[in-house]
Amino acid sequence: MRLLLVVAAALVDADRRVLIAQRPQGKQLAGLWEFPGGKVEPGERPEATLIRELHEELGIIVKESCLAPLTFASHNYPDFHLLMPLYVCRRWEGIPRPAEHQAIRWVAPERLRDFPMPPADEPLIPMLRDAL
């Protein structure tokens, strides 16, 4: 089975809310809400991937020193196995705006379960809620 390394971020604002993004139509798991991030390219470090993806997807600038690793997800999908480190980020430059997603929302950690998420993202919620 193919291993896919993806990295994600829990952007946390001053009100302790977490940013989630809705997957666009036409992509696998369209309409579900996820933590922003993306696929690690060959030769790329997870932190560099996250910095690149957050800029591409949300138009924000993140410094590596502002990324704090929290936990990871390991999930079997039918065609591949996903390994996804989750970082917490509390500082960035710019205002997050959806460039690739249908929508973004700032959500209190206690309300994250109110939004349907991919199976790999769901187990991250309790860890994130406890950490915040």
N, C-alpha and C. Protein backbone atom coordinates (compact mmCIF):
# COMPACT_ATOMS: atom_id res chain seq x y z
N MET A 1 0.84 -1.18 0.00
CA MET A 1 0.00 0.00 0.00
C MET A 1 0.88 1.25 0.00
N ARG A 2 0.49 2.21 -0.78
CA ARG A 2 1.24 3.46 -0.91
C ARG A 2 1.07 4.32 0.35
N LEU A 3 2.18 4.88 0.83
CA LEU A 3 2.16 5.78 1.97
C LEU A 3 2.15 7.22 1.46
N LEU A 4 1.21 8.01 1.94
CA LEU A 4 1.09 9.41 1.55
C LEU A 4 1.35 10.26 2.78
N LEU A 5 2.37 11.13 2.71
CA LEU A 5 2.70 12.03 3.80
C LEU A 5 2.07 13.39 3.51
N VAL A 6 1.19 13.80 4.40
CA VAL A 6 0.49 15.08 4.30
C VAL A 6 0.71 15.79 5.62
N VAL A 7 0.79 17.11 5.59
CA VAL A 7 0.99 17.89 6.81
C VAL A 7 -0.17 18.88 6.95
N ALA A 8 -0.57 19.14 8.21
CA ALA A 8 -1.71 20.03 8.45
C ALA A 8 -1.40 20.98 9.60
N ALA A 9 -2.16 22.09 9.62
CA ALA A 9 -1.97 23.09 10.67
C ALA A 9 -3.30 23.41 11.34
N ALA A 10 -3.22 23.59 12.64
CA ALA A 10 -4.34 24.15 13.40
C ALA A 10 -3.96 25.59 13.67
N LEU A 11 -4.48 26.50 12.85
CA LEU A 11 -4.26 27.92 13.08
C LEU A 11 -5.18 28.34 14.22
N VAL A 12 -4.61 28.95 15.25
CA VAL A 12 -5.38 29.32 16.44
C VAL A 12 -5.32 30.84 16.59
N ASP A 13 -6.49 31.48 16.66
CA ASP A 13 -6.53 32.93 16.79
C ASP A 13 -6.53 33.37 18.25
N ALA A 14 -6.57 34.66 18.48
CA ALA A 14 -6.51 35.22 19.85
C ALA A 14 -7.69 34.80 20.71
N ASP A 15 -8.80 34.41 20.09
CA ASP A 15 -9.98 33.96 20.82
C ASP A 15 -10.00 32.44 21.03
N ARG A 16 -8.86 31.79 20.72
CA ARG A 16 -8.70 30.35 20.90
C ARG A 16 -9.54 29.54 19.90
N ARG A 17 -9.93 30.17 18.80
CA ARG A 17 -10.67 29.46 17.76
C ARG A 17 -9.69 28.86 16.76
N VAL A 18 -10.12 27.79 16.12
CA VAL A 18 -9.29 27.06 15.15
C VAL A 18 -9.87 27.26 13.76
N LEU A 19 -9.00 27.49 12.78
CA LEU A 19 -9.44 27.66 11.40
C LEU A 19 -9.58 26.29 10.74
N ILE A 20 -10.75 26.06 10.13
CA ILE A 20 -10.95 24.88 9.31
C ILE A 20 -11.36 25.32 7.92
N ALA A 21 -11.10 24.48 6.95
CA ALA A 21 -11.35 24.82 5.55
C ALA A 21 -12.18 23.71 4.90
N GLN A 22 -13.09 24.10 4.04
CA GLN A 22 -13.95 23.14 3.35
C GLN A 22 -13.31 22.71 2.04
N ARG A 23 -13.23 21.38 1.85
CA ARG A 23 -12.63 20.85 0.62
C ARG A 23 -13.50 21.22 -0.59
N PRO A 24 -12.84 21.66 -1.69
CA PRO A 24 -13.60 22.12 -2.86
C PRO A 24 -14.25 20.98 -3.65
N GLN A 25 -15.29 21.35 -4.39
CA GLN A 25 -15.94 20.40 -5.28
C GLN A 25 -14.93 19.90 -6.30
N GLY A 26 -15.07 18.65 -6.69
CA GLY A 26 -14.18 18.07 -7.68
C GLY A 26 -12.98 17.37 -7.08
N LYS A 27 -12.74 17.55 -5.78
CA LYS A 27 -11.63 16.86 -5.11
C LYS A 27 -12.20 15.73 -4.27
N GLN A 28 -11.34 14.76 -3.99
CA GLN A 28 -11.74 13.67 -3.11
C GLN A 28 -12.21 14.26 -1.77
N LEU A 29 -13.28 13.70 -1.21
CA LEU A 29 -13.85 14.15 0.07
C LEU A 29 -14.36 15.59 0.01
N ALA A 30 -14.84 16.00 -1.16
CA ALA A 30 -15.35 17.37 -1.36
C ALA A 30 -16.45 17.67 -0.36
N GLY A 31 -16.45 18.91 0.12
CA GLY A 31 -17.47 19.37 1.05
C GLY A 31 -17.14 19.13 2.51
N LEU A 32 -16.20 18.24 2.80
CA LEU A 32 -15.81 18.00 4.18
C LEU A 32 -14.88 19.11 4.66
N TRP A 33 -14.82 19.30 5.97
CA TRP A 33 -13.99 20.33 6.58
C TRP A 33 -12.69 19.70 7.06
N GLU A 34 -11.59 20.43 6.92
CA GLU A 34 -10.28 19.89 7.28
C GLU A 34 -9.40 20.98 7.85
N PHE A 35 -8.29 20.54 8.46
CA PHE A 35 -7.25 21.47 8.86
C PHE A 35 -6.43 21.76 7.61
N PRO A 36 -6.12 23.01 7.32
CA PRO A 36 -5.40 23.32 6.09
C PRO A 36 -3.99 22.72 6.08
N GLY A 37 -3.52 22.43 4.89
CA GLY A 37 -2.20 21.84 4.71
C GLY A 37 -2.12 21.19 3.35
N GLY A 38 -1.24 20.21 3.23
CA GLY A 38 -1.12 19.55 1.94
C GLY A 38 -0.05 18.50 1.90
N LYS A 39 0.13 17.96 0.70
CA LYS A 39 1.04 16.85 0.46
C LYS A 39 2.50 17.31 0.49
N VAL A 40 3.32 16.52 1.18
CA VAL A 40 4.76 16.78 1.23
C VAL A 40 5.37 16.27 -0.08
N GLU A 41 6.04 17.16 -0.78
CA GLU A 41 6.68 16.80 -2.04
C GLU A 41 8.01 16.11 -1.78
N PRO A 42 8.50 15.29 -2.73
CA PRO A 42 9.80 14.62 -2.54
C PRO A 42 10.91 15.63 -2.23
N GLY A 43 11.68 15.35 -1.20
CA GLY A 43 12.79 16.21 -0.82
C GLY A 43 12.38 17.41 0.02
N GLU A 44 11.11 17.54 0.32
CA GLU A 44 10.60 18.69 1.07
C GLU A 44 10.37 18.30 2.53
N ARG A 45 10.74 19.18 3.44
CA ARG A 45 10.48 18.94 4.86
C ARG A 45 9.03 19.29 5.18
N PRO A 46 8.42 18.60 6.16
CA PRO A 46 7.02 18.90 6.49
C PRO A 46 6.78 20.37 6.83
N GLU A 47 7.69 21.00 7.55
CA GLU A 47 7.51 22.40 7.92
C GLU A 47 7.53 23.30 6.68
N ALA A 48 8.41 23.01 5.75
CA ALA A 48 8.47 23.79 4.51
C ALA A 48 7.19 23.59 3.69
N THR A 49 6.67 22.38 3.68
CA THR A 49 5.41 22.10 3.00
C THR A 49 4.30 22.94 3.59
N LEU A 50 4.22 22.96 4.90
CA LEU A 50 3.15 23.69 5.57
C LEU A 50 3.24 25.19 5.31
N ILE A 51 4.42 25.73 5.35
CA ILE A 51 4.63 27.15 5.05
C ILE A 51 4.17 27.45 3.62
N ARG A 52 4.56 26.59 2.67
CA ARG A 52 4.16 26.77 1.27
C ARG A 52 2.65 26.64 1.10
N GLU A 53 2.08 25.59 1.68
CA GLU A 53 0.64 25.33 1.51
C GLU A 53 -0.22 26.42 2.15
N LEU A 54 0.16 26.89 3.33
CA LEU A 54 -0.62 27.94 3.98
C LEU A 54 -0.60 29.24 3.17
N HIS A 55 0.52 29.49 2.51
CA HIS A 55 0.60 30.66 1.64
C HIS A 55 -0.28 30.46 0.40
N GLU A 56 -0.19 29.28 -0.22
CA GLU A 56 -0.97 29.01 -1.43
C GLU A 56 -2.47 28.95 -1.14
N GLU A 57 -2.86 28.28 -0.05
CA GLU A 57 -4.27 28.06 0.23
C GLU A 57 -4.95 29.24 0.91
N LEU A 58 -4.20 29.97 1.75
CA LEU A 58 -4.83 31.00 2.57
C LEU A 58 -4.21 32.39 2.42
N GLY A 59 -3.11 32.49 1.68
CA GLY A 59 -2.46 33.77 1.46
C GLY A 59 -1.75 34.33 2.68
N ILE A 60 -1.38 33.49 3.63
CA ILE A 60 -0.69 33.97 4.83
C ILE A 60 0.77 33.54 4.82
N ILE A 61 1.57 34.27 5.58
CA ILE A 61 2.99 33.95 5.71
C ILE A 61 3.24 33.43 7.12
N VAL A 62 3.82 32.25 7.18
CA VAL A 62 4.12 31.61 8.46
C VAL A 62 5.61 31.36 8.54
N LYS A 63 6.18 31.64 9.69
CA LYS A 63 7.60 31.34 9.92
C LYS A 63 7.70 29.98 10.60
N GLU A 64 8.76 29.24 10.27
CA GLU A 64 8.93 27.90 10.83
C GLU A 64 8.94 27.91 12.35
N SER A 65 9.50 28.96 12.95
CA SER A 65 9.57 29.04 14.42
C SER A 65 8.19 29.15 15.06
N CYS A 66 7.16 29.44 14.27
CA CYS A 66 5.80 29.56 14.80
C CYS A 66 4.99 28.27 14.66
N LEU A 67 5.61 27.22 14.13
CA LEU A 67 4.95 25.93 13.98
C LEU A 67 5.35 25.01 15.12
N ALA A 68 4.39 24.57 15.91
CA ALA A 68 4.65 23.68 17.03
C ALA A 68 3.99 22.33 16.76
N PRO A 69 4.78 21.24 16.62
CA PRO A 69 4.18 19.94 16.38
C PRO A 69 3.33 19.51 17.58
N LEU A 70 2.14 18.98 17.29
CA LEU A 70 1.23 18.57 18.36
C LEU A 70 1.01 17.06 18.38
N THR A 71 0.58 16.51 17.26
CA THR A 71 0.25 15.09 17.19
C THR A 71 0.25 14.68 15.73
N PHE A 72 -0.20 13.46 15.44
CA PHE A 72 -0.29 13.04 14.05
C PHE A 72 -1.45 12.07 13.88
N ALA A 73 -1.90 11.93 12.64
CA ALA A 73 -2.93 10.96 12.28
C ALA A 73 -2.30 9.91 11.39
N SER A 74 -2.75 8.68 11.57
CA SER A 74 -2.34 7.56 10.73
C SER A 74 -3.62 6.83 10.35
N HIS A 75 -3.96 6.86 9.06
CA HIS A 75 -5.26 6.35 8.64
C HIS A 75 -5.16 5.59 7.32
N ASN A 76 -5.81 4.43 7.26
CA ASN A 76 -5.89 3.65 6.03
C ASN A 76 -7.09 4.10 5.21
N TYR A 77 -6.83 4.59 4.00
CA TYR A 77 -7.87 4.82 3.02
C TYR A 77 -7.82 3.64 2.06
N PRO A 78 -8.83 3.44 1.22
CA PRO A 78 -8.82 2.27 0.33
C PRO A 78 -7.59 2.18 -0.58
N ASP A 79 -7.09 3.33 -1.08
CA ASP A 79 -6.01 3.32 -2.06
C ASP A 79 -4.63 3.65 -1.49
N PHE A 80 -4.56 4.11 -0.25
CA PHE A 80 -3.28 4.53 0.32
C PHE A 80 -3.39 4.61 1.84
N HIS A 81 -2.24 4.72 2.48
CA HIS A 81 -2.20 4.96 3.92
C HIS A 81 -1.71 6.39 4.13
N LEU A 82 -2.46 7.17 4.91
CA LEU A 82 -2.14 8.57 5.13
C LEU A 82 -1.46 8.74 6.48
N LEU A 83 -0.33 9.42 6.48
CA LEU A 83 0.36 9.83 7.69
C LEU A 83 0.36 11.35 7.69
N MET A 84 -0.20 11.97 8.76
CA MET A 84 -0.38 13.41 8.75
C MET A 84 0.01 14.03 10.09
N PRO A 85 1.19 14.65 10.16
CA PRO A 85 1.53 15.44 11.35
C PRO A 85 0.65 16.68 11.42
N LEU A 86 0.25 17.06 12.64
CA LEU A 86 -0.53 18.26 12.86
C LEU A 86 0.29 19.23 13.71
N TYR A 87 0.44 20.44 13.21
CA TYR A 87 1.16 21.51 13.90
C TYR A 87 0.16 22.54 14.39
N VAL A 88 0.46 23.18 15.50
CA VAL A 88 -0.32 24.32 15.97
C VAL A 88 0.45 25.59 15.60
N CYS A 89 -0.27 26.57 15.10
CA CYS A 89 0.33 27.85 14.72
C CYS A 89 -0.54 28.97 15.27
N ARG A 90 0.07 29.84 16.08
CA ARG A 90 -0.65 30.95 16.69
C ARG A 90 -0.25 32.31 16.12
N ARG A 91 0.78 32.34 15.27
CA ARG A 91 1.26 33.62 14.70
C ARG A 91 1.51 33.46 13.21
N TRP A 92 1.04 34.43 12.46
CA TRP A 92 1.25 34.47 11.01
C TRP A 92 1.05 35.91 10.56
N GLU A 93 1.44 36.18 9.32
CA GLU A 93 1.25 37.50 8.72
C GLU A 93 0.15 37.41 7.68
N GLY A 94 -0.75 38.39 7.70
CA GLY A 94 -1.83 38.42 6.73
C GLY A 94 -3.14 37.94 7.33
N ILE A 95 -4.18 38.05 6.53
CA ILE A 95 -5.52 37.60 6.93
C ILE A 95 -5.86 36.37 6.10
N PRO A 96 -6.14 35.23 6.75
CA PRO A 96 -6.48 34.03 5.98
C PRO A 96 -7.72 34.23 5.11
N ARG A 97 -7.56 33.93 3.83
CA ARG A 97 -8.66 34.00 2.87
C ARG A 97 -8.60 32.74 2.01
N PRO A 98 -9.75 32.15 1.72
CA PRO A 98 -9.74 30.90 0.95
C PRO A 98 -9.35 31.12 -0.51
N ALA A 99 -8.27 30.48 -0.93
CA ALA A 99 -7.86 30.54 -2.33
C ALA A 99 -8.19 29.22 -3.04
N GLU A 100 -8.10 28.12 -2.31
CA GLU A 100 -8.35 26.81 -2.92
C GLU A 100 -9.57 26.11 -2.32
N HIS A 101 -10.00 26.53 -1.16
CA HIS A 101 -11.14 25.90 -0.49
C HIS A 101 -12.43 26.65 -0.83
N GLN A 102 -13.55 25.97 -0.59
CA GLN A 102 -14.83 26.61 -0.81
C GLN A 102 -15.08 27.68 0.24
N ALA A 103 -14.70 27.39 1.47
CA ALA A 103 -14.96 28.31 2.57
C ALA A 103 -13.98 28.01 3.70
N ILE A 104 -13.81 28.98 4.58
CA ILE A 104 -13.06 28.76 5.81
C ILE A 104 -13.92 29.25 6.96
N ARG A 105 -13.68 28.69 8.15
CA ARG A 105 -14.42 29.11 9.34
C ARG A 105 -13.50 29.06 10.55
N TRP A 106 -13.71 30.00 11.46
CA TRP A 106 -13.04 29.98 12.76
C TRP A 106 -14.02 29.32 13.74
N VAL A 107 -13.57 28.25 14.38
CA VAL A 107 -14.45 27.43 15.19
C VAL A 107 -13.84 27.20 16.58
N ALA A 108 -14.66 27.31 17.61
CA ALA A 108 -14.20 26.96 18.96
C ALA A 108 -13.86 25.48 18.98
N PRO A 109 -12.78 25.09 19.66
CA PRO A 109 -12.38 23.67 19.67
C PRO A 109 -13.52 22.72 20.08
N GLU A 110 -14.38 23.17 20.98
CA GLU A 110 -15.49 22.34 21.44
C GLU A 110 -16.54 22.11 20.35
N ARG A 111 -16.52 22.92 19.30
CA ARG A 111 -17.51 22.79 18.22
C ARG A 111 -16.96 22.11 16.97
N LEU A 112 -15.71 21.69 16.98
CA LEU A 112 -15.12 21.07 15.78
C LEU A 112 -15.90 19.84 15.33
N ARG A 113 -16.45 19.08 16.26
CA ARG A 113 -17.21 17.88 15.89
C ARG A 113 -18.52 18.21 15.18
N ASP A 114 -18.94 19.48 15.18
CA ASP A 114 -20.16 19.87 14.48
C ASP A 114 -19.96 19.94 12.98
N PHE A 115 -18.71 19.84 12.53
CA PHE A 115 -18.39 19.95 11.10
C PHE A 115 -17.90 18.59 10.60
N PRO A 116 -18.53 18.04 9.55
CA PRO A 116 -18.06 16.75 9.03
C PRO A 116 -16.64 16.86 8.48
N MET A 117 -15.77 15.95 8.92
CA MET A 117 -14.35 15.97 8.54
C MET A 117 -13.95 14.62 7.94
N PRO A 118 -12.86 14.60 7.18
CA PRO A 118 -12.34 13.33 6.69
C PRO A 118 -11.98 12.42 7.87
N PRO A 119 -12.04 11.11 7.66
CA PRO A 119 -11.75 10.18 8.75
C PRO A 119 -10.37 10.39 9.40
N ALA A 120 -9.39 10.84 8.65
CA ALA A 120 -8.04 11.05 9.21
C ALA A 120 -8.00 12.25 10.14
N ASP A 121 -8.85 13.26 9.91
CA ASP A 121 -8.85 14.48 10.73
C ASP A 121 -9.58 14.29 12.06
N GLU A 122 -10.62 13.47 12.07
CA GLU A 122 -11.46 13.33 13.26
C GLU A 122 -10.68 12.97 14.53
N PRO A 123 -9.74 12.00 14.50
CA PRO A 123 -9.04 11.65 15.74
C PRO A 123 -8.14 12.77 16.28
N LEU A 124 -7.87 13.78 15.47
CA LEU A 124 -7.03 14.89 15.92
C LEU A 124 -7.79 15.85 16.83
N ILE A 125 -9.10 15.85 16.74
CA ILE A 125 -9.92 16.81 17.47
C ILE A 125 -9.72 16.73 18.99
N PRO A 126 -9.81 15.56 19.63
CA PRO A 126 -9.64 15.53 21.09
C PRO A 126 -8.26 16.00 21.54
N MET A 127 -7.24 15.64 20.80
CA MET A 127 -5.89 16.07 21.15
C MET A 127 -5.77 17.59 21.07
N LEU A 128 -6.32 18.15 20.02
CA LEU A 128 -6.29 19.59 19.81
C LEU A 128 -7.11 20.30 20.90
N ARG A 129 -8.29 19.79 21.16
CA ARG A 129 -9.15 20.39 22.18
C ARG A 129 -8.45 20.39 23.54
N ASP A 130 -7.81 19.30 23.89
CA ASP A 130 -7.08 19.21 25.18
C ASP A 130 -5.88 20.15 25.23
N ALA A 131 -5.23 20.34 24.10
CA ALA A 131 -4.03 21.18 24.05
C ALA A 131 -4.36 22.67 24.14
N LEU A 132 -5.56 23.04 23.71
CA LEU A 132 -5.93 24.45 23.70
C LEU A 132 -6.67 24.81 24.97
